[in-house]
Amino acid sequence: MELIDVLDENGNYTGKVEERKNVHNNGLWHIHVGVWIMNQKGELLFQQRSKNKKLNPNKWTRTGGHVDSGETPLKAVQRETYEEIGVKIPLDKFKLLNINKEEVYIPDYQIINRHFIYSYLALVDFKIEDYTMQEEEVSNLKYITVEEMEDAYKNKDNSYTFIRWNDIEKVIIELKKIREELSKK
């Protein structure tokens, strides 16, 4: 059973804890984390969601998940990274990029997803073969360039989850800046 801390609409903890399914069924505010994993070439790691996932099966996305009750977003992003792709990135390697508030209604599943998304960046030196996929969550991994990501967004490539995100244009600009800084080192 996955327990999640409930927030108010301003992102403050309410002191209430609910099961994940109740959080989504009742549209309760909570925290989700995601990480843009960038290698030394400035490429981004994407994972393909398992075909057995309820939401977005077989779609490409970044690593992430829900923050468990009592857990910090930083610890959650480290845990999710380890669980899903088998690498333990040190906490000091995660840089918080932004926090976005988002409300999404998914009618096919009767889910109201109200969450604050903590987006991180982690600069790593891993090759694809260094990762170990959690088969229940992930079916494939690949690195792509920021330009490939941008093209997928512009072409509305529905095989990626990020094409529907409200802030993706800002994210692409930020990732290009980070890659540029990385190339100067």
C-alpha atoms as a PDB file:
ATOM      1  CA  MET A   1       0.000   0.000   0.000  1.00  0.00           C
ATOM      2  CA  GLU A   2       1.469   3.336  -1.076  1.00  0.00           C
ATOM      3  CA  LEU A   3       0.748   6.146   1.418  1.00  0.00           C
ATOM      4  CA  ILE A   4       1.039   9.776   0.346  1.00  0.00           C
ATOM      5  CA  ASP A   5       0.976  13.051   2.294  1.00  0.00           C
ATOM      6  CA  VAL A   6      -1.955  15.284   1.350  1.00  0.00           C
ATOM      7  CA  LEU A   7      -1.287  18.969   0.650  1.00  0.00           C
ATOM      8  CA  ASP A   8      -3.580  21.955   0.374  1.00  0.00           C
ATOM      9  CA  GLU A   9      -3.931  23.922  -2.870  1.00  0.00           C
ATOM     10  CA  ASN A  10      -0.960  26.108  -1.829  1.00  0.00           C
ATOM     11  CA  GLY A  11       1.413  23.179  -1.359  1.00  0.00           C
ATOM     12  CA  ASN A  12       1.261  23.114   2.444  1.00  0.00           C
ATOM     13  CA  TYR A  13       1.143  19.790   4.280  1.00  0.00           C
ATOM     14  CA  THR A  14      -2.272  19.162   5.832  1.00  0.00           C
ATOM     15  CA  GLY A  15      -1.175  16.418   8.217  1.00  0.00           C
ATOM     16  CA  LYS A  16      -3.423  13.933   6.402  1.00  0.00           C
ATOM     17  CA  VAL A  17      -2.108  10.749   4.798  1.00  0.00           C
ATOM     18  CA  GLU A  18      -4.021   8.781   2.143  1.00  0.00           C
ATOM     19  CA  GLU A  19      -3.533   5.766  -0.070  1.00  0.00           C
ATOM     20  CA  ARG A  20      -2.378   6.661  -3.563  1.00  0.00           C
ATOM     21  CA  LYS A  21      -5.613   5.453  -5.188  1.00  0.00           C
ATOM     22  CA  ASN A  22      -7.676   7.659  -2.829  1.00  0.00           C
ATOM     23  CA  VAL A  23      -5.456  10.647  -3.586  1.00  0.00           C
ATOM     24  CA  HIS A  24      -6.181  10.263  -7.302  1.00  0.00           C
ATOM     25  CA  ASN A  25      -9.825   9.227  -6.979  1.00  0.00           C
ATOM     26  CA  ASN A  26     -10.605  12.228  -4.764  1.00  0.00           C
ATOM     27  CA  GLY A  27      -8.359  14.797  -6.478  1.00  0.00           C
ATOM     28  CA  LEU A  28      -6.213  15.461  -3.419  1.00  0.00           C
ATOM     29  CA  TRP A  29      -3.108  17.610  -3.764  1.00  0.00           C
ATOM     30  CA  HIS A  30       0.209  15.766  -3.401  1.00  0.00           C
ATOM     31  CA  ILE A  31       3.843  15.826  -4.587  1.00  0.00           C
ATOM     32  CA  HIS A  32       5.302  14.133  -7.632  1.00  0.00           C
ATOM     33  CA  VAL A  33       8.989  14.188  -8.570  1.00  0.00           C
ATOM     34  CA  GLY A  34      10.770  13.831 -11.895  1.00  0.00           C
ATOM     35  CA  VAL A  35      14.384  14.004 -12.958  1.00  0.00           C
ATOM     36  CA  TRP A  36      16.041  14.965 -16.214  1.00  0.00           C
ATOM     37  CA  ILE A  37      19.102  12.726 -16.287  1.00  0.00           C
ATOM     38  CA  MET A  38      21.749  14.253 -18.553  1.00  0.00           C
ATOM     39  CA  ASN A  39      24.974  12.532 -19.544  1.00  0.00           C
ATOM     40  CA  GLN A  40      28.325  14.205 -20.237  1.00  0.00           C
ATOM     41  CA  LYS A  41      27.411  14.601 -23.934  1.00  0.00           C
ATOM     42  CA  GLY A  42      24.340  16.628 -22.963  1.00  0.00           C
ATOM     43  CA  GLU A  43      21.906  13.851 -23.911  1.00  0.00           C
ATOM     44  CA  LEU A  44      18.817  13.087 -21.837  1.00  0.00           C
ATOM     45  CA  LEU A  45      17.817   9.671 -20.552  1.00  0.00           C
ATOM     46  CA  PHE A  46      14.285   8.551 -21.368  1.00  0.00           C
ATOM     47  CA  GLN A  47      12.610   5.418 -20.115  1.00  0.00           C
ATOM     48  CA  GLN A  48       9.800   3.639 -21.887  1.00  0.00           C
ATOM     49  CA  ARG A  49       6.965   2.822 -19.533  1.00  0.00           C
ATOM     50  CA  SER A  50       5.998  -0.830 -19.302  1.00  0.00           C
ATOM     51  CA  LYS A  51       3.121  -2.000 -21.484  1.00  0.00           C
ATOM     52  CA  ASN A  52       1.397  -3.055 -18.232  1.00  0.00           C
ATOM     53  CA  LYS A  53       1.256   0.475 -16.775  1.00  0.00           C
ATOM     54  CA  LYS A  54      -2.274   1.790 -16.294  1.00  0.00           C
ATOM     55  CA  LEU A  55      -1.399   5.303 -17.457  1.00  0.00           C
ATOM     56  CA  ASN A  56       0.721   6.013 -20.522  1.00  0.00           C
ATOM     57  CA  PRO A  57       1.787   2.424 -21.292  1.00  0.00           C
ATOM     58  CA  ASN A  58       4.712   2.131 -23.737  1.00  0.00           C
ATOM     59  CA  LYS A  59       5.303   5.894 -23.727  1.00  0.00           C
ATOM     60  CA  TRP A  60       8.692   7.511 -23.253  1.00  0.00           C
ATOM     61  CA  THR A  61       9.172   9.697 -20.180  1.00  0.00           C
ATOM     62  CA  ARG A  62      11.716  10.826 -17.648  1.00  0.00           C
ATOM     63  CA  THR A  63      12.306   8.969 -14.391  1.00  0.00           C
ATOM     64  CA  GLY A  64      10.016   9.923 -11.527  1.00  0.00           C
ATOM     65  CA  GLY A  65       7.147   9.064  -9.263  1.00  0.00           C
ATOM     66  CA  HIS A  66       5.211   9.916  -6.134  1.00  0.00           C
ATOM     67  CA  VAL A  67       6.659  11.119  -2.856  1.00  0.00           C
ATOM     68  CA  ASP A  68       5.857   8.663  -0.071  1.00  0.00           C
ATOM     69  CA  SER A  69       4.425   9.897   3.212  1.00  0.00           C
ATOM     70  CA  GLY A  70       7.174  11.344   5.409  1.00  0.00           C
ATOM     71  CA  GLU A  71       9.660  11.457   2.529  1.00  0.00           C
ATOM     72  CA  THR A  72      11.257  14.602   1.114  1.00  0.00           C
ATOM     73  CA  PRO A  73      11.060  15.267  -2.631  1.00  0.00           C
ATOM     74  CA  LEU A  74      14.857  14.983  -2.859  1.00  0.00           C
ATOM     75  CA  LYS A  75      14.927  11.570  -1.169  1.00  0.00           C
ATOM     76  CA  ALA A  76      11.972  10.484  -3.339  1.00  0.00           C
ATOM     77  CA  VAL A  77      13.718  11.353  -6.602  1.00  0.00           C
ATOM     78  CA  GLN A  78      16.793   9.412  -5.481  1.00  0.00           C
ATOM     79  CA  ARG A  79      14.644   6.426  -4.473  1.00  0.00           C
ATOM     80  CA  GLU A  80      12.629   6.460  -7.702  1.00  0.00           C
ATOM     81  CA  THR A  81      15.824   6.607  -9.756  1.00  0.00           C
ATOM     82  CA  TYR A  82      17.243   3.631  -7.908  1.00  0.00           C
ATOM     83  CA  GLU A  83      13.999   1.621  -8.077  1.00  0.00           C
ATOM     84  CA  GLU A  84      13.224   2.249 -11.736  1.00  0.00           C
ATOM     85  CA  ILE A  85      16.653   2.285 -13.385  1.00  0.00           C
ATOM     86  CA  GLY A  86      18.966   0.760 -10.786  1.00  0.00           C
ATOM     87  CA  VAL A  87      21.426   3.575 -10.149  1.00  0.00           C
ATOM     88  CA  LYS A  88      21.865   5.399  -6.858  1.00  0.00           C
ATOM     89  CA  ILE A  89      22.725   8.968  -7.690  1.00  0.00           C
ATOM     90  CA  PRO A  90      24.153  10.890  -4.696  1.00  0.00           C
ATOM     91  CA  LEU A  91      21.735  13.480  -3.289  1.00  0.00           C
ATOM     92  CA  ASP A  92      24.136  16.344  -4.011  1.00  0.00           C
ATOM     93  CA  LYS A  93      24.007  15.509  -7.745  1.00  0.00           C
ATOM     94  CA  PHE A  94      20.309  16.466  -7.959  1.00  0.00           C
ATOM     95  CA  LYS A  95      19.612  20.119  -8.742  1.00  0.00           C
ATOM     96  CA  LEU A  96      16.047  21.415  -8.303  1.00  0.00           C
ATOM     97  CA  LEU A  97      15.012  23.129 -11.547  1.00  0.00           C
ATOM     98  CA  ASN A  98      11.433  24.118 -10.733  1.00  0.00           C
ATOM     99  CA  ILE A  99       8.200  23.310  -8.943  1.00  0.00           C
ATOM    100  CA  ASN A 100       5.001  23.342 -10.984  1.00  0.00           C
ATOM    101  CA  LYS A 101       1.428  23.089  -9.839  1.00  0.00           C
ATOM    102  CA  GLU A 102      -0.717  20.980 -12.145  1.00  0.00           C
ATOM    103  CA  GLU A 103      -4.279  19.665 -12.307  1.00  0.00           C
ATOM    104  CA  VAL A 104      -5.080  16.913 -14.805  1.00  0.00           C
ATOM    105  CA  TYR A 105      -8.334  15.030 -15.194  1.00  0.00           C
ATOM    106  CA  ILE A 106      -7.995  11.635 -16.881  1.00  0.00           C
ATOM    107  CA  PRO A 107     -11.562  10.638 -17.770  1.00  0.00           C
ATOM    108  CA  ASP A 108     -10.738   7.129 -19.048  1.00  0.00           C
ATOM    109  CA  TYR A 109      -9.533   6.195 -15.568  1.00  0.00           C
ATOM    110  CA  GLN A 110     -11.665   8.563 -13.455  1.00  0.00           C
ATOM    111  CA  ILE A 111      -8.476  10.098 -12.038  1.00  0.00           C
ATOM    112  CA  ILE A 112      -8.075  13.677 -10.868  1.00  0.00           C
ATOM    113  CA  ASN A 113      -4.335  14.237 -10.587  1.00  0.00           C
ATOM    114  CA  ARG A 114      -3.587  17.376  -8.596  1.00  0.00           C
ATOM    115  CA  HIS A 115       0.068  17.611  -7.807  1.00  0.00           C
ATOM    116  CA  PHE A 116       3.069  19.802  -7.259  1.00  0.00           C
ATOM    117  CA  ILE A 117       5.811  18.502  -9.545  1.00  0.00           C
ATOM    118  CA  TYR A 118       9.372  18.908  -8.308  1.00  0.00           C
ATOM    119  CA  SER A 119      11.624  18.715 -11.374  1.00  0.00           C
ATOM    120  CA  TYR A 120      15.290  17.929 -10.876  1.00  0.00           C
ATOM    121  CA  LEU A 121      18.362  17.648 -13.054  1.00  0.00           C
ATOM    122  CA  ALA A 122      21.100  15.082 -12.477  1.00  0.00           C
ATOM    123  CA  LEU A 123      24.342  15.208 -14.460  1.00  0.00           C
ATOM    124  CA  VAL A 124      25.743  11.680 -14.706  1.00  0.00           C
ATOM    125  CA  ASP A 125      28.329   9.678 -16.575  1.00  0.00           C
ATOM    126  CA  PHE A 126      26.310   6.477 -17.089  1.00  0.00           C
ATOM    127  CA  LYS A 127      25.984   4.511 -20.293  1.00  0.00           C
ATOM    128  CA  ILE A 128      22.763   2.656 -21.128  1.00  0.00           C
ATOM    129  CA  GLU A 129      24.325  -0.653 -20.053  1.00  0.00           C
ATOM    130  CA  ASP A 130      25.012   0.800 -16.564  1.00  0.00           C
ATOM    131  CA  TYR A 131      21.291   0.926 -15.822  1.00  0.00           C
ATOM    132  CA  THR A 132      19.114  -1.931 -14.555  1.00  0.00           C
ATOM    133  CA  MET A 133      15.468  -1.577 -15.508  1.00  0.00           C
ATOM    134  CA  GLN A 134      12.669  -2.460 -13.098  1.00  0.00           C
ATOM    135  CA  GLU A 135      10.574  -4.591 -15.465  1.00  0.00           C
ATOM    136  CA  GLU A 136       7.210  -3.713 -13.870  1.00  0.00           C
ATOM    137  CA  GLU A 137       7.889  -0.030 -14.576  1.00  0.00           C
ATOM    138  CA  VAL A 138      10.339   0.221 -17.468  1.00  0.00           C
ATOM    139  CA  SER A 139      10.643  -1.700 -20.744  1.00  0.00           C
ATOM    140  CA  ASN A 140      13.440   0.237 -22.479  1.00  0.00           C
ATOM    141  CA  LEU A 141      15.933   3.092 -22.083  1.00  0.00           C
ATOM    142  CA  LYS A 142      17.535   5.529 -24.487  1.00  0.00           C
ATOM    143  CA  TYR A 143      19.425   8.793 -24.578  1.00  0.00           C
ATOM    144  CA  ILE A 144      18.198  11.543 -26.903  1.00  0.00           C
ATOM    145  CA  THR A 145      19.374  15.078 -27.615  1.00  0.00           C
ATOM    146  CA  VAL A 146      17.446  18.139 -26.488  1.00  0.00           C
ATOM    147  CA  GLU A 147      16.805  18.850 -30.190  1.00  0.00           C
ATOM    148  CA  GLU A 148      15.212  15.418 -30.629  1.00  0.00           C
ATOM    149  CA  MET A 149      13.047  16.185 -27.621  1.00  0.00           C
ATOM    150  CA  GLU A 150      12.126  19.554 -29.103  1.00  0.00           C
ATOM    151  CA  ASP A 151      11.250  17.947 -32.457  1.00  0.00           C
ATOM    152  CA  ALA A 152       9.047  15.382 -30.698  1.00  0.00           C
ATOM    153  CA  TYR A 153       7.212  18.233 -28.974  1.00  0.00           C
ATOM    154  CA  LYS A 154       6.798  20.296 -32.163  1.00  0.00           C
ATOM    155  CA  ASN A 155       5.594  17.245 -34.108  1.00  0.00           C
ATOM    156  CA  LYS A 156       3.223  16.228 -31.274  1.00  0.00           C
ATOM    157  CA  ASP A 157       4.872  12.802 -31.087  1.00  0.00           C
ATOM    158  CA  ASN A 158       2.410  11.011 -28.843  1.00  0.00           C
ATOM    159  CA  SER A 159       4.963   8.338 -27.933  1.00  0.00           C
ATOM    160  CA  TYR A 160       6.380  10.842 -25.383  1.00  0.00           C
ATOM    161  CA  THR A 161       4.509  11.936 -22.265  1.00  0.00           C
ATOM    162  CA  PHE A 162       6.055  15.419 -22.149  1.00  0.00           C
ATOM    163  CA  ILE A 163       4.270  16.685 -25.271  1.00  0.00           C
ATOM    164  CA  ARG A 164       1.199  17.475 -23.103  1.00  0.00           C
ATOM    165  CA  TRP A 165       3.068  19.250 -20.291  1.00  0.00           C
ATOM    166  CA  ASN A 166       2.271  22.924 -19.762  1.00  0.00           C
ATOM    167  CA  ASP A 167       5.857  24.003 -19.123  1.00  0.00           C
ATOM    168  CA  ILE A 168       7.764  21.932 -21.681  1.00  0.00           C
ATOM    169  CA  GLU A 169       8.894  24.888 -23.814  1.00  0.00           C
ATOM    170  CA  LYS A 170      10.519  26.479 -20.743  1.00  0.00           C
ATOM    171  CA  VAL A 171      12.072  23.132 -19.808  1.00  0.00           C
ATOM    172  CA  ILE A 172      13.613  22.741 -23.271  1.00  0.00           C
ATOM    173  CA  ILE A 173      15.160  26.227 -23.048  1.00  0.00           C
ATOM    174  CA  GLU A 174      16.555  25.442 -19.576  1.00  0.00           C
ATOM    175  CA  LEU A 175      17.968  22.082 -20.676  1.00  0.00           C
ATOM    176  CA  LYS A 176      19.688  23.720 -23.668  1.00  0.00           C
ATOM    177  CA  LYS A 177      21.311  26.270 -21.324  1.00  0.00           C
ATOM    178  CA  ILE A 178      22.501  23.519 -18.991  1.00  0.00           C
ATOM    179  CA  ARG A 179      23.911  21.523 -21.893  1.00  0.00           C
ATOM    180  CA  GLU A 180      25.694  24.624 -23.172  1.00  0.00           C
ATOM    181  CA  GLU A 181      27.264  25.223 -19.740  1.00  0.00           C
ATOM    182  CA  LEU A 182      28.298  21.574 -19.609  1.00  0.00           C
ATOM    183  CA  SER A 183      30.041  21.843 -22.980  1.00  0.00           C
ATOM    184  CA  LYS A 184      32.154  24.789 -21.707  1.00  0.00           C
ATOM    185  CA  LYS A 185      33.640  22.692 -18.887  1.00  0.00           C
END
